[in-house]
Amino acid sequence: MFLNLLGVFAQFETELRKERQLEGIAKAKAEGVYKGRKQSYDHGRVKQLKANGLGVAEIMRQTGISKTHIYRILNCYGLPIDVDADIPTNEHVM
């Protein structure tokens, strides 16, 4: 019974913490302070390589960015995605 009570309080505290965090983020966004995480990949480079006619596999080789992230970047800008037969099955190419 006591452990159940502790569990209820822990869950309540977690919910309060999440609420406060979301309120803080909303306030920061309203003030223009919260901008999210900086891009870790160069979207411009991926767009340029795609505009030069390179496929996803070659963009992976040249940038070291995973196939998934390249697809996300291309989708973000509405660029066509070709399915390359030579894309390695390993997600991340270094």
Protein backbone atom coordinates (compact mmCIF):
# COMPACT_ATOMS: atom_id res chain seq x y z
CA MET A 1 0.00 0.00 0.00
CA PHE A 2 2.79 2.41 0.94
CA LEU A 3 4.69 1.64 -2.26
CA ASN A 4 1.56 2.27 -4.30
CA LEU A 5 1.20 5.65 -2.63
CA LEU A 6 4.82 6.50 -3.42
CA GLY A 7 4.23 5.49 -7.04
CA VAL A 8 1.21 7.77 -7.29
CA PHE A 9 3.19 10.73 -5.92
CA ALA A 10 6.10 10.05 -8.27
CA GLN A 11 3.77 9.95 -11.25
CA PHE A 12 2.07 13.16 -10.10
CA GLU A 13 5.43 14.93 -9.78
CA THR A 14 6.45 13.75 -13.24
CA GLU A 15 3.24 15.12 -14.74
CA LEU A 16 3.74 18.46 -12.96
CA ARG A 17 7.32 18.67 -14.24
CA LYS A 18 6.21 17.97 -17.81
CA GLU A 19 3.48 20.61 -17.53
CA ARG A 20 5.93 23.23 -16.28
CA GLN A 21 8.38 22.36 -19.03
CA LEU A 22 5.74 22.72 -21.75
CA GLU A 23 4.58 26.02 -20.26
CA GLY A 24 8.16 27.29 -20.25
CA ILE A 25 8.70 26.26 -23.86
CA ALA A 26 5.44 27.91 -24.93
CA LYS A 27 6.41 31.12 -23.12
CA ALA A 28 9.89 31.12 -24.68
CA LYS A 29 8.44 30.53 -28.16
CA ALA A 30 6.02 33.42 -27.65
CA GLU A 31 8.96 35.66 -26.73
CA GLY A 32 10.93 34.44 -29.74
CA VAL A 33 13.68 32.98 -27.57
CA TYR A 34 13.10 29.27 -28.13
CA LYS A 35 14.14 28.24 -31.59
CA GLY A 36 14.82 24.55 -31.10
CA ARG A 37 18.01 22.71 -31.86
CA LYS A 38 20.36 23.98 -34.55
CA GLN A 39 20.52 21.93 -37.71
CA SER A 40 23.22 19.32 -37.44
CA TYR A 41 23.26 18.72 -41.19
CA ASP A 42 23.87 21.15 -44.02
CA HIS A 43 20.53 21.23 -45.83
CA GLY A 44 21.93 23.58 -48.46
CA ARG A 45 24.65 21.13 -49.42
CA VAL A 46 22.19 18.25 -49.76
CA LYS A 47 19.88 20.42 -51.89
CA GLN A 48 22.79 21.50 -54.08
CA LEU A 49 24.04 17.95 -54.62
CA LYS A 50 20.51 16.84 -55.50
CA ALA A 51 20.14 19.79 -57.91
CA ASN A 52 23.38 18.66 -59.57
CA GLY A 53 21.67 15.37 -60.37
CA LEU A 54 23.24 13.16 -57.73
CA GLY A 55 21.29 10.29 -56.25
CA VAL A 56 20.79 9.54 -52.59
CA ALA A 57 23.62 6.99 -52.48
CA GLU A 58 26.17 9.48 -53.83
CA ILE A 59 24.92 12.21 -51.50
CA MET A 60 25.41 9.73 -48.64
CA ARG A 61 28.98 9.06 -49.74
CA GLN A 62 29.90 12.72 -50.11
CA THR A 63 28.27 14.06 -46.95
CA GLY A 64 28.35 11.15 -44.50
CA ILE A 65 24.68 11.75 -43.76
CA SER A 66 22.42 8.75 -43.31
CA LYS A 67 19.85 7.77 -45.92
CA THR A 68 17.01 8.57 -43.51
CA HIS A 69 18.22 12.12 -42.91
CA ILE A 70 18.73 12.75 -46.61
CA TYR A 71 15.16 11.60 -47.27
CA ARG A 72 13.91 13.93 -44.52
CA ILE A 73 15.81 16.89 -45.96
CA LEU A 74 14.57 16.20 -49.49
CA ASN A 75 10.98 15.78 -48.24
CA CYS A 76 11.26 19.02 -46.27
CA TYR A 77 11.95 20.96 -49.47
CA GLY A 78 9.64 18.92 -51.70
CA LEU A 79 12.52 17.60 -53.79
CA PRO A 80 12.08 14.32 -55.68
CA ILE A 81 13.47 11.19 -54.10
CA ASP A 82 14.92 8.54 -56.36
CA VAL A 83 15.37 5.01 -55.13
CA ASP A 84 18.98 4.07 -55.76
CA ALA A 85 19.72 0.39 -56.17
CA ASP A 86 23.21 0.88 -54.78
CA ILE A 87 22.24 2.34 -51.39
CA PRO A 88 24.05 0.37 -48.71
CA THR A 89 21.87 -1.36 -46.13
CA ASN A 90 23.94 0.15 -43.32
CA GLU A 91 22.06 3.27 -42.14
CA HIS A 92 25.06 5.53 -41.62
CA VAL A 93 27.99 5.75 -44.00
CA MET A 94 31.19 7.33 -42.74
